[in-house]
């Protein structure tokens, strides 16, 4: 299915400096927001009080959240836990004892539903949250390193560097937007970042695979022409894949509720930024780092190509 003209000749490589400028601006904005505002860390990373409540007749989670907001627990996170009869409420540290905080929550919710009962109260220390945050950061670094190794073996080292830099660009830009918008950074948002790493590199790999196919075929074309042709040929696939995923993430943003808002919005932003970098950044960076035709050919074919012919039209 081609929704993008198969014979299109858009010059993506020729406009790469505009794309680079946009990327630099986005990265500077992200760095500025992270340096000044930082991340709005959720209870998974800051610690706090966890209260499990039981509703024998089933809980109305939206009403519970509204009640907590009205009673001054604006940062409380309420969600169903296993069934509609069990609700988990997580609150940030307040300096008061956990039993007192739990009693305040129970009193506020009993005014709404008299049959609510407290099942357990736990305190999550900040040290556990710090360990989770460090583990999440380490997971992202392992993903970047794994992608660098995989693409380096599968394709070529310069392509691997371009893909890894583009992916790092995506993650930093989205992280900056999360900071700028004040989205609560919890485990669901961290999961969205790990999902974005796989999503973004998938589209880039498709372009790289077409590059590898086109270099032996387009022997009379220079590297930039091969790159442009490869991206044009994969644009239909990119539009269809990104479009369907984008609409899914948009539906989650609109209808997913508060529990999925951070996850779905992060995913939505990542799809947009990742598609942009797959088209304009990854391949162009590889070319600007010195990728030549002979680098993409088999060893036997490389020996038949003189260095002077690498970029000859």
C-alpha atoms as a PDB file:
ATOM      1  CA  UNK A   1       0.000   0.000   0.000  1.00  0.00           C
ATOM      2  CA  UNK A   2       1.513   3.312  -1.115  1.00  0.00           C
ATOM      3  CA  UNK A   3       0.061   6.479   0.351  1.00  0.00           C
ATOM      4  CA  UNK A   4       3.299   8.304  -0.458  1.00  0.00           C
ATOM      5  CA  UNK A   5       4.301   8.629  -4.149  1.00  0.00           C
ATOM      6  CA  UNK A   6       6.681   5.709  -4.884  1.00  0.00           C
ATOM      7  CA  UNK A   7       8.636   7.876  -7.351  1.00  0.00           C
ATOM      8  CA  UNK A   8       8.956  10.870  -4.994  1.00  0.00           C
ATOM      9  CA  UNK A   9      12.266  12.742  -5.056  1.00  0.00           C
ATOM     10  CA  UNK A  10      12.221  14.798  -1.871  1.00  0.00           C
ATOM     11  CA  UNK A  11      15.691  16.000  -0.888  1.00  0.00           C
ATOM     12  CA  UNK A  12      15.856  15.022   2.787  1.00  0.00           C
ATOM     13  CA  UNK A  13      19.646  15.147   2.851  1.00  0.00           C
ATOM     14  CA  UNK A  14      19.672  18.658   1.369  1.00  0.00           C
ATOM     15  CA  UNK A  15      17.489  19.969   4.205  1.00  0.00           C
ATOM     16  CA  UNK A  16      19.428  18.217   6.949  1.00  0.00           C
ATOM     17  CA  UNK A  17      20.942  21.443   8.329  1.00  0.00           C
ATOM     18  CA  UNK A  18      17.452  22.824   8.961  1.00  0.00           C
ATOM     19  CA  UNK A  19      16.631  19.565  10.763  1.00  0.00           C
ATOM     20  CA  UNK A  20      19.889  19.818  12.714  1.00  0.00           C
ATOM     21  CA  UNK A  21      18.990  23.372  13.771  1.00  0.00           C
ATOM     22  CA  UNK A  22      15.549  22.263  14.944  1.00  0.00           C
ATOM     23  CA  UNK A  23      17.132  19.404  16.884  1.00  0.00           C
ATOM     24  CA  UNK A  24      19.686  21.696  18.527  1.00  0.00           C
ATOM     25  CA  UNK A  25      16.927  24.100  19.601  1.00  0.00           C
ATOM     26  CA  UNK A  26      14.861  21.235  21.037  1.00  0.00           C
ATOM     27  CA  UNK A  27      17.885  19.813  22.862  1.00  0.00           C
ATOM     28  CA  UNK A  28      18.753  23.220  24.352  1.00  0.00           C
ATOM     29  CA  UNK A  29      15.168  23.692  25.514  1.00  0.00           C
ATOM     30  CA  UNK A  30      15.177  20.213  27.016  1.00  0.00           C
ATOM     31  CA  UNK A  31      18.482  20.803  28.790  1.00  0.00           C
ATOM     32  CA  UNK A  32      17.257  24.162  30.092  1.00  0.00           C
ATOM     33  CA  UNK A  33      14.038  22.685  31.468  1.00  0.00           C
ATOM     34  CA  UNK A  34      15.841  19.756  33.078  1.00  0.00           C
ATOM     35  CA  UNK A  35      18.407  22.102  34.632  1.00  0.00           C
ATOM     36  CA  UNK A  36      15.872  24.618  35.998  1.00  0.00           C
ATOM     37  CA  UNK A  37      12.681  22.646  36.665  1.00  0.00           C
ATOM     38  CA  UNK A  38      13.995  19.114  36.865  1.00  0.00           C
ATOM     39  CA  UNK A  39      11.657  16.133  36.795  1.00  0.00           C
ATOM     40  CA  UNK A  40       8.404  15.906  38.693  1.00  0.00           C
ATOM     41  CA  UNK A  41       9.291  12.580  40.263  1.00  0.00           C
ATOM     42  CA  UNK A  42       6.389  10.366  41.224  1.00  0.00           C
ATOM     43  CA  UNK A  43       5.986   8.371  44.392  1.00  0.00           C
ATOM     44  CA  UNK A  44       7.759   5.408  42.804  1.00  0.00           C
ATOM     45  CA  UNK A  45      10.981   7.414  43.028  1.00  0.00           C
ATOM     46  CA  UNK A  46      10.426   9.770  45.984  1.00  0.00           C
ATOM     47  CA  UNK A  47       8.856   7.330  48.443  1.00  0.00           C
ATOM     48  CA  UNK A  48       5.726   7.979  50.497  1.00  0.00           C
ATOM     49  CA  UNK A  49       2.739   6.312  52.108  1.00  0.00           C
ATOM     50  CA  UNK A  50       0.779   3.524  50.422  1.00  0.00           C
ATOM     51  CA  UNK A  51      -2.781   2.895  51.649  1.00  0.00           C
ATOM     52  CA  UNK A  52      -4.885  -0.022  50.414  1.00  0.00           C
ATOM     53  CA  UNK A  53      -8.630   0.428  50.820  1.00  0.00           C
ATOM     54  CA  UNK A  54     -11.491  -2.006  50.367  1.00  0.00           C
ATOM     55  CA  UNK A  55     -14.865  -1.143  48.819  1.00  0.00           C
ATOM     56  CA  UNK A  56     -17.286  -4.083  49.263  1.00  0.00           C
ATOM     57  CA  UNK A  57     -19.700  -2.662  46.704  1.00  0.00           C
ATOM     58  CA  UNK A  58     -17.097  -1.624  44.141  1.00  0.00           C
ATOM     59  CA  UNK A  59     -15.154   1.651  43.929  1.00  0.00           C
ATOM     60  CA  UNK A  60     -15.764   4.707  41.756  1.00  0.00           C
ATOM     61  CA  UNK A  61     -12.141   5.645  41.065  1.00  0.00           C
ATOM     62  CA  UNK A  62     -12.954   9.037  39.545  1.00  0.00           C
ATOM     63  CA  UNK A  63     -15.026  10.038  42.551  1.00  0.00           C
ATOM     64  CA  UNK A  64     -12.230   8.910  44.871  1.00  0.00           C
ATOM     65  CA  UNK A  65      -9.693  11.072  43.037  1.00  0.00           C
ATOM     66  CA  UNK A  66     -12.022  14.080  43.119  1.00  0.00           C
ATOM     67  CA  UNK A  67     -12.580  13.628  46.865  1.00  0.00           C
ATOM     68  CA  UNK A  68      -8.859  13.408  47.572  1.00  0.00           C
ATOM     69  CA  UNK A  69      -8.246  16.574  45.553  1.00  0.00           C
ATOM     70  CA  UNK A  70     -10.970  18.424  47.446  1.00  0.00           C
ATOM     71  CA  UNK A  71      -9.510  17.332  50.780  1.00  0.00           C
ATOM     72  CA  UNK A  72      -6.058  18.690  49.934  1.00  0.00           C
ATOM     73  CA  UNK A  73      -4.343  15.509  48.714  1.00  0.00           C
ATOM     74  CA  UNK A  74      -3.526  16.955  45.272  1.00  0.00           C
ATOM     75  CA  UNK A  75      -0.483  14.732  44.721  1.00  0.00           C
ATOM     76  CA  UNK A  76      -2.232  11.534  45.753  1.00  0.00           C
ATOM     77  CA  UNK A  77      -2.352   8.743  43.169  1.00  0.00           C
ATOM     78  CA  UNK A  78      -5.423   6.493  43.360  1.00  0.00           C
ATOM     79  CA  UNK A  79      -5.891   3.412  41.202  1.00  0.00           C
ATOM     80  CA  UNK A  80      -7.721   0.110  41.216  1.00  0.00           C
ATOM     81  CA  UNK A  81      -5.660  -2.723  42.630  1.00  0.00           C
ATOM     82  CA  UNK A  82      -6.521  -6.146  41.248  1.00  0.00           C
ATOM     83  CA  UNK A  83     -10.299  -5.658  41.259  1.00  0.00           C
ATOM     84  CA  UNK A  84     -12.955  -2.956  41.442  1.00  0.00           C
ATOM     85  CA  UNK A  85     -13.265  -3.587  45.183  1.00  0.00           C
ATOM     86  CA  UNK A  86      -9.654  -2.746  46.014  1.00  0.00           C
ATOM     87  CA  UNK A  87      -8.099   0.722  45.689  1.00  0.00           C
ATOM     88  CA  UNK A  88      -4.467   1.709  46.192  1.00  0.00           C
ATOM     89  CA  UNK A  89      -3.770   5.288  47.270  1.00  0.00           C
ATOM     90  CA  UNK A  90      -0.201   6.548  47.226  1.00  0.00           C
ATOM     91  CA  UNK A  91       0.777   9.833  48.850  1.00  0.00           C
ATOM     92  CA  UNK A  92       4.099  11.721  49.007  1.00  0.00           C
ATOM     93  CA  UNK A  93       5.935  12.156  52.325  1.00  0.00           C
ATOM     94  CA  UNK A  94       4.307  14.891  54.434  1.00  0.00           C
ATOM     95  CA  UNK A  95       6.358  14.773  57.636  1.00  0.00           C
ATOM     96  CA  UNK A  96       3.448  13.265  59.550  1.00  0.00           C
ATOM     97  CA  UNK A  97       3.291   9.666  60.714  1.00  0.00           C
ATOM     98  CA  UNK A  98       2.020   7.166  58.185  1.00  0.00           C
ATOM     99  CA  UNK A  99      -0.839   6.098  60.455  1.00  0.00           C
ATOM    100  CA  UNK A 100      -2.051   9.689  60.785  1.00  0.00           C
ATOM    101  CA  UNK A 101      -1.946  10.241  57.030  1.00  0.00           C
ATOM    102  CA  UNK A 102      -3.788   6.986  56.433  1.00  0.00           C
ATOM    103  CA  UNK A 103      -6.492   7.938  58.961  1.00  0.00           C
ATOM    104  CA  UNK A 104      -6.969  11.300  57.229  1.00  0.00           C
ATOM    105  CA  UNK A 105      -7.414   9.564  53.876  1.00  0.00           C
ATOM    106  CA  UNK A 106      -9.849   7.039  55.339  1.00  0.00           C
ATOM    107  CA  UNK A 107     -11.909   9.755  57.050  1.00  0.00           C
ATOM    108  CA  UNK A 108     -12.121  11.770  53.834  1.00  0.00           C
ATOM    109  CA  UNK A 109     -13.254   8.780  51.785  1.00  0.00           C
ATOM    110  CA  UNK A 110     -15.704   7.485  54.415  1.00  0.00           C
ATOM    111  CA  UNK A 111     -17.636  10.723  54.003  1.00  0.00           C
ATOM    112  CA  UNK A 112     -18.186   9.621  50.410  1.00  0.00           C
ATOM    113  CA  UNK A 113     -18.718   5.883  51.041  1.00  0.00           C
ATOM    114  CA  UNK A 114     -19.328   4.676  54.579  1.00  0.00           C
ATOM    115  CA  UNK A 115     -18.489   1.046  53.788  1.00  0.00           C
ATOM    116  CA  UNK A 116     -14.851   1.700  52.842  1.00  0.00           C
ATOM    117  CA  UNK A 117     -12.324  -0.140  55.041  1.00  0.00           C
ATOM    118  CA  UNK A 118      -8.553   0.143  55.397  1.00  0.00           C
ATOM    119  CA  UNK A 119      -6.701  -3.040  54.534  1.00  0.00           C
ATOM    120  CA  UNK A 120      -3.058  -2.076  54.948  1.00  0.00           C
ATOM    121  CA  UNK A 121      -0.687   0.872  55.293  1.00  0.00           C
ATOM    122  CA  UNK A 122       2.926   0.844  54.119  1.00  0.00           C
ATOM    123  CA  UNK A 123       5.724   3.369  53.964  1.00  0.00           C
ATOM    124  CA  UNK A 124       8.067   3.416  50.982  1.00  0.00           C
ATOM    125  CA  UNK A 125      11.388   5.036  51.841  1.00  0.00           C
ATOM    126  CA  UNK A 126      13.179   7.452  49.478  1.00  0.00           C
ATOM    127  CA  UNK A 127      16.181   5.116  49.268  1.00  0.00           C
ATOM    128  CA  UNK A 128      14.049   2.537  47.441  1.00  0.00           C
ATOM    129  CA  UNK A 129      12.864   5.234  45.031  1.00  0.00           C
ATOM    130  CA  UNK A 130      16.451   6.327  44.381  1.00  0.00           C
ATOM    131  CA  UNK A 131      17.404   2.741  43.577  1.00  0.00           C
ATOM    132  CA  UNK A 132      14.507   2.493  41.116  1.00  0.00           C
ATOM    133  CA  UNK A 133      15.534   5.748  39.430  1.00  0.00           C
ATOM    134  CA  UNK A 134      19.152   4.616  39.108  1.00  0.00           C
ATOM    135  CA  UNK A 135      18.035   1.249  37.753  1.00  0.00           C
ATOM    136  CA  UNK A 136      15.816   2.985  35.184  1.00  0.00           C
ATOM    137  CA  UNK A 137      18.661   5.207  34.010  1.00  0.00           C
ATOM    138  CA  UNK A 138      20.948   2.188  33.777  1.00  0.00           C
ATOM    139  CA  UNK A 139      18.317   0.344  31.735  1.00  0.00           C
ATOM    140  CA  UNK A 140      18.215   3.183  29.196  1.00  0.00           C
ATOM    141  CA  UNK A 141      22.027   3.205  28.931  1.00  0.00           C
ATOM    142  CA  UNK A 142      22.051  -0.559  28.378  1.00  0.00           C
ATOM    143  CA  UNK A 143      19.443  -0.131  25.622  1.00  0.00           C
ATOM    144  CA  UNK A 144      21.601   2.501  23.864  1.00  0.00           C
ATOM    145  CA  UNK A 145      24.726   0.351  24.159  1.00  0.00           C
ATOM    146  CA  UNK A 146      22.883  -2.735  22.900  1.00  0.00           C
ATOM    147  CA  UNK A 147      21.541  -0.854  19.887  1.00  0.00           C
ATOM    148  CA  UNK A 148      25.020   0.482  19.090  1.00  0.00           C
ATOM    149  CA  UNK A 149      26.460  -3.053  19.130  1.00  0.00           C
ATOM    150  CA  UNK A 150      23.563  -4.591  17.168  1.00  0.00           C
ATOM    151  CA  UNK A 151      23.481  -2.012  14.373  1.00  0.00           C
ATOM    152  CA  UNK A 152      27.286  -2.012  14.209  1.00  0.00           C
ATOM    153  CA  UNK A 153      27.346  -5.773  13.558  1.00  0.00           C
ATOM    154  CA  UNK A 154      24.226  -5.838  11.399  1.00  0.00           C
ATOM    155  CA  UNK A 155      25.028  -2.855   9.193  1.00  0.00           C
ATOM    156  CA  UNK A 156      28.002  -0.560   9.721  1.00  0.00           C
ATOM    157  CA  UNK A 157      29.629   1.291  12.616  1.00  0.00           C
ATOM    158  CA  UNK A 158      28.824   4.772  11.275  1.00  0.00           C
ATOM    159  CA  UNK A 159      25.188   3.785  10.853  1.00  0.00           C
ATOM    160  CA  UNK A 160      25.242   2.465  14.417  1.00  0.00           C
ATOM    161  CA  UNK A 161      26.607   5.779  15.675  1.00  0.00           C
ATOM    162  CA  UNK A 162      23.959   7.713  13.724  1.00  0.00           C
ATOM    163  CA  UNK A 163      21.164   5.488  15.055  1.00  0.00           C
ATOM    164  CA  UNK A 164      22.393   5.725  18.650  1.00  0.00           C
ATOM    165  CA  UNK A 165      22.780   9.516  18.509  1.00  0.00           C
ATOM    166  CA  UNK A 166      19.311   9.869  16.973  1.00  0.00           C
ATOM    167  CA  UNK A 167      17.824   7.654  19.678  1.00  0.00           C
ATOM    168  CA  UNK A 168      19.594   9.583  22.435  1.00  0.00           C
ATOM    169  CA  UNK A 169      18.253  12.773  20.823  1.00  0.00           C
ATOM    170  CA  UNK A 170      14.691  11.390  20.982  1.00  0.00           C
ATOM    171  CA  UNK A 171      14.940  10.382  24.629  1.00  0.00           C
ATOM    172  CA  UNK A 172      16.489  13.691  25.763  1.00  0.00           C
ATOM    173  CA  UNK A 173      13.962  15.814  23.853  1.00  0.00           C
ATOM    174  CA  UNK A 174      10.981  13.863  25.188  1.00  0.00           C
ATOM    175  CA  UNK A 175      12.452  13.926  28.704  1.00  0.00           C
ATOM    176  CA  UNK A 176      12.767  17.704  28.393  1.00  0.00           C
ATOM    177  CA  UNK A 177       9.126  18.034  27.336  1.00  0.00           C
ATOM    178  CA  UNK A 178       8.070  15.821  30.251  1.00  0.00           C
ATOM    179  CA  UNK A 179      10.005  18.176  32.543  1.00  0.00           C
ATOM    180  CA  UNK A 180       8.594  21.312  30.886  1.00  0.00           C
ATOM    181  CA  UNK A 181       4.976  20.126  31.144  1.00  0.00           C
ATOM    182  CA  UNK A 182       5.439  18.908  34.705  1.00  0.00           C
ATOM    183  CA  UNK A 183       4.281  15.378  33.898  1.00  0.00           C
ATOM    184  CA  UNK A 184       4.674  13.093  36.894  1.00  0.00           C
ATOM    185  CA  UNK A 185       7.657  10.843  36.167  1.00  0.00           C
ATOM    186  CA  UNK A 186       6.801   7.421  37.558  1.00  0.00           C
ATOM    187  CA  UNK A 187       7.347   3.809  36.533  1.00  0.00           C
ATOM    188  CA  UNK A 188       4.712   3.997  33.779  1.00  0.00           C
ATOM    189  CA  UNK A 189       6.519   6.957  32.171  1.00  0.00           C
ATOM    190  CA  UNK A 190       9.817   5.100  32.486  1.00  0.00           C
ATOM    191  CA  UNK A 191       8.177   2.152  30.738  1.00  0.00           C
ATOM    192  CA  UNK A 192       7.098   4.528  27.958  1.00  0.00           C
ATOM    193  CA  UNK A 193      10.721   5.626  27.478  1.00  0.00           C
ATOM    194  CA  UNK A 194      11.886   2.022  27.168  1.00  0.00           C
ATOM    195  CA  UNK A 195       9.087   1.364  24.654  1.00  0.00           C
ATOM    196  CA  UNK A 196      10.113   4.457  22.684  1.00  0.00           C
ATOM    197  CA  UNK A 197      13.687   3.216  22.433  1.00  0.00           C
ATOM    198  CA  UNK A 198      12.486   0.091  20.646  1.00  0.00           C
ATOM    199  CA  UNK A 199       9.943   1.943  18.523  1.00  0.00           C
ATOM    200  CA  UNK A 200      12.328   4.633  17.328  1.00  0.00           C
ATOM    201  CA  UNK A 201      15.125   2.240  16.380  1.00  0.00           C
ATOM    202  CA  UNK A 202      12.654   0.009  14.504  1.00  0.00           C
ATOM    203  CA  UNK A 203      11.835   2.733  11.981  1.00  0.00           C
ATOM    204  CA  UNK A 204      15.510   3.644  11.642  1.00  0.00           C
ATOM    205  CA  UNK A 205      16.454   0.014  10.942  1.00  0.00           C
ATOM    206  CA  UNK A 206      13.913  -0.108   8.088  1.00  0.00           C
ATOM    207  CA  UNK A 207      15.594   2.892   6.446  1.00  0.00           C
ATOM    208  CA  UNK A 208      19.058   1.408   6.986  1.00  0.00           C
ATOM    209  CA  UNK A 209      17.973  -1.885   5.456  1.00  0.00           C
ATOM    210  CA  UNK A 210      16.782  -0.070   2.340  1.00  0.00           C
ATOM    211  CA  UNK A 211      20.080   1.835   2.250  1.00  0.00           C
ATOM    212  CA  UNK A 212      21.952  -1.453   2.235  1.00  0.00           C
ATOM    213  CA  UNK A 213      19.806  -2.713  -0.642  1.00  0.00           C
ATOM    214  CA  UNK A 214      20.140   0.465  -2.723  1.00  0.00           C
ATOM    215  CA  UNK A 215      23.891   1.055  -2.508  1.00  0.00           C
ATOM    216  CA  UNK A 216      24.757  -1.954  -4.745  1.00  0.00           C
ATOM    217  CA  UNK A 217      21.869  -1.141  -7.116  1.00  0.00           C
ATOM    218  CA  UNK A 218      22.433   2.609  -7.550  1.00  0.00           C
ATOM    219  CA  UNK A 219      26.101   2.447  -8.533  1.00  0.00           C
ATOM    220  CA  UNK A 220      25.999   5.701 -10.521  1.00  0.00           C
ATOM    221  CA  UNK A 221      24.438   7.732  -7.735  1.00  0.00           C
ATOM    222  CA  UNK A 222      26.263   9.577  -4.982  1.00  0.00           C
ATOM    223  CA  UNK A 223      25.656   8.695  -1.319  1.00  0.00           C
ATOM    224  CA  UNK A 224      23.190  11.528  -0.673  1.00  0.00           C
ATOM    225  CA  UNK A 225      21.049  10.436  -3.626  1.00  0.00           C
ATOM    226  CA  UNK A 226      20.968   6.859  -2.341  1.00  0.00           C
ATOM    227  CA  UNK A 227      19.941   8.094   1.088  1.00  0.00           C
ATOM    228  CA  UNK A 228      17.186  10.305  -0.298  1.00  0.00           C
ATOM    229  CA  UNK A 229      15.904   7.494  -2.491  1.00  0.00           C
ATOM    230  CA  UNK A 230      15.870   5.042   0.408  1.00  0.00           C
ATOM    231  CA  UNK A 231      13.913   7.381   2.672  1.00  0.00           C
ATOM    232  CA  UNK A 232      11.431   8.206  -0.092  1.00  0.00           C
ATOM    233  CA  UNK A 233      10.872   4.500  -0.715  1.00  0.00           C
ATOM    234  CA  UNK A 234      10.125   3.809   2.955  1.00  0.00           C
ATOM    235  CA  UNK A 235       7.951   6.884   3.586  1.00  0.00           C
ATOM    236  CA  UNK A 236       4.667   5.039   3.014  1.00  0.00           C
ATOM    237  CA  UNK A 237       5.619   2.459   5.607  1.00  0.00           C
ATOM    238  CA  UNK A 238       6.737   5.203   8.004  1.00  0.00           C
ATOM    239  CA  UNK A 239       3.516   7.189   7.607  1.00  0.00           C
ATOM    240  CA  UNK A 240       1.281   4.134   8.055  1.00  0.00           C
ATOM    241  CA  UNK A 241       3.174   2.765  11.074  1.00  0.00           C
ATOM    242  CA  UNK A 242       3.628   6.113  12.814  1.00  0.00           C
ATOM    243  CA  UNK A 243       0.080   7.221  11.994  1.00  0.00           C
ATOM    244  CA  UNK A 244      -1.639   4.152  13.415  1.00  0.00           C
ATOM    245  CA  UNK A 245       0.538   4.184  16.539  1.00  0.00           C
ATOM    246  CA  UNK A 246      -0.022   7.927  16.909  1.00  0.00           C
ATOM    247  CA  UNK A 247      -3.811   7.552  16.840  1.00  0.00           C
ATOM    248  CA  UNK A 248      -3.603   4.757  19.415  1.00  0.00           C
ATOM    249  CA  UNK A 249      -1.501   6.887  21.758  1.00  0.00           C
ATOM    250  CA  UNK A 250      -3.836   9.861  21.184  1.00  0.00           C
ATOM    251  CA  UNK A 251      -6.817   7.709  22.147  1.00  0.00           C
ATOM    252  CA  UNK A 252      -5.038   6.745  25.370  1.00  0.00           C
ATOM    253  CA  UNK A 253      -4.322  10.417  26.123  1.00  0.00           C
ATOM    254  CA  UNK A 254      -7.985  11.343  25.663  1.00  0.00           C
ATOM    255  CA  UNK A 255      -9.724   8.315  27.144  1.00  0.00           C
ATOM    256  CA  UNK A 256      -7.062   6.581  29.250  1.00  0.00           C
ATOM    257  CA  UNK A 257      -7.644   8.616  32.402  1.00  0.00           C
ATOM    258  CA  UNK A 258      -5.192   9.963  34.943  1.00  0.00           C
ATOM    259  CA  UNK A 259      -3.478   6.640  35.578  1.00  0.00           C
ATOM    260  CA  UNK A 260      -2.308   6.346  31.948  1.00  0.00           C
ATOM    261  CA  UNK A 261      -1.954  10.042  31.120  1.00  0.00           C
ATOM    262  CA  UNK A 262       1.808  10.287  31.707  1.00  0.00           C
ATOM    263  CA  UNK A 263       2.503   7.043  29.871  1.00  0.00           C
ATOM    264  CA  UNK A 264       0.318   7.838  26.854  1.00  0.00           C
ATOM    265  CA  UNK A 265       1.452  11.466  26.479  1.00  0.00           C
ATOM    266  CA  UNK A 266       5.111  10.425  26.685  1.00  0.00           C
ATOM    267  CA  UNK A 267       4.450   7.776  24.048  1.00  0.00           C
ATOM    268  CA  UNK A 268       2.665  10.300  21.828  1.00  0.00           C
ATOM    269  CA  UNK A 269       5.535  12.792  22.034  1.00  0.00           C
ATOM    270  CA  UNK A 270       8.085  10.060  21.429  1.00  0.00           C
ATOM    271  CA  UNK A 271       6.347   8.853  18.264  1.00  0.00           C
ATOM    272  CA  UNK A 272       6.439  12.360  16.796  1.00  0.00           C
ATOM    273  CA  UNK A 273      10.075  13.023  17.719  1.00  0.00           C
ATOM    274  CA  UNK A 274      11.177   9.491  16.788  1.00  0.00           C
ATOM    275  CA  UNK A 275       9.610   9.699  13.330  1.00  0.00           C
ATOM    276  CA  UNK A 276      11.316  13.043  12.747  1.00  0.00           C
ATOM    277  CA  UNK A 277      14.735  11.689  13.754  1.00  0.00           C
ATOM    278  CA  UNK A 278      14.353   8.499  11.685  1.00  0.00           C
ATOM    279  CA  UNK A 279      13.695  10.568   8.570  1.00  0.00           C
ATOM    280  CA  UNK A 280      16.035  13.515   9.023  1.00  0.00           C
ATOM    281  CA  UNK A 281      18.666  12.734  11.659  1.00  0.00           C
ATOM    282  CA  UNK A 282      19.875   9.122  11.774  1.00  0.00           C
ATOM    283  CA  UNK A 283      20.869   8.594   8.122  1.00  0.00           C
ATOM    284  CA  UNK A 284      22.083  12.169   7.610  1.00  0.00           C
ATOM    285  CA  UNK A 285      24.371  11.949  10.642  1.00  0.00           C
ATOM    286  CA  UNK A 286      25.820   8.695   9.335  1.00  0.00           C
ATOM    287  CA  UNK A 287      26.574  10.330   5.972  1.00  0.00           C
ATOM    288  CA  UNK A 288      28.120  13.389   7.614  1.00  0.00           C
ATOM    289  CA  UNK A 289      30.326  11.088   9.712  1.00  0.00           C
ATOM    290  CA  UNK A 290      31.858   9.719   6.523  1.00  0.00           C
ATOM    291  CA  UNK A 291      29.697   6.781   5.420  1.00  0.00           C
ATOM    292  CA  UNK A 292      30.677   5.755   1.870  1.00  0.00           C
ATOM    293  CA  UNK A 293      29.341   3.326  -0.692  1.00  0.00           C
ATOM    294  CA  UNK A 294      32.170   0.844  -0.147  1.00  0.00           C
ATOM    295  CA  UNK A 295      31.252   0.638   3.564  1.00  0.00           C
ATOM    296  CA  UNK A 296      27.884  -0.866   2.645  1.00  0.00           C
ATOM    297  CA  UNK A 297      29.141  -3.403   0.105  1.00  0.00           C
ATOM    298  CA  UNK A 298      30.369  -6.931   0.584  1.00  0.00           C
ATOM    299  CA  UNK A 299      34.139  -7.351   0.908  1.00  0.00           C
ATOM    300  CA  UNK A 300      34.474  -8.796  -2.609  1.00  0.00           C
ATOM    301  CA  UNK A 301      32.573  -5.875  -4.107  1.00  0.00           C
ATOM    302  CA  UNK A 302      34.612  -3.321  -2.151  1.00  0.00           C
ATOM    303  CA  UNK A 303      37.834  -4.511  -3.768  1.00  0.00           C
ATOM    304  CA  UNK A 304      36.395  -3.811  -7.230  1.00  0.00           C
ATOM    305  CA  UNK A 305      35.546  -0.211  -6.372  1.00  0.00           C
ATOM    306  CA  UNK A 306      38.339   2.325  -6.445  1.00  0.00           C
ATOM    307  CA  UNK A 307      38.234   4.963  -3.668  1.00  0.00           C
ATOM    308  CA  UNK A 308      37.789   7.708  -6.280  1.00  0.00           C
ATOM    309  CA  UNK A 309      34.578   6.045  -7.418  1.00  0.00           C
ATOM    310  CA  UNK A 310      32.968   6.000  -3.982  1.00  0.00           C
ATOM    311  CA  UNK A 311      31.251   9.341  -4.479  1.00  0.00           C
ATOM    312  CA  UNK A 312      31.417   9.648  -8.228  1.00  0.00           C
ATOM    313  CA  UNK A 313      28.096  10.327  -9.971  1.00  0.00           C
END
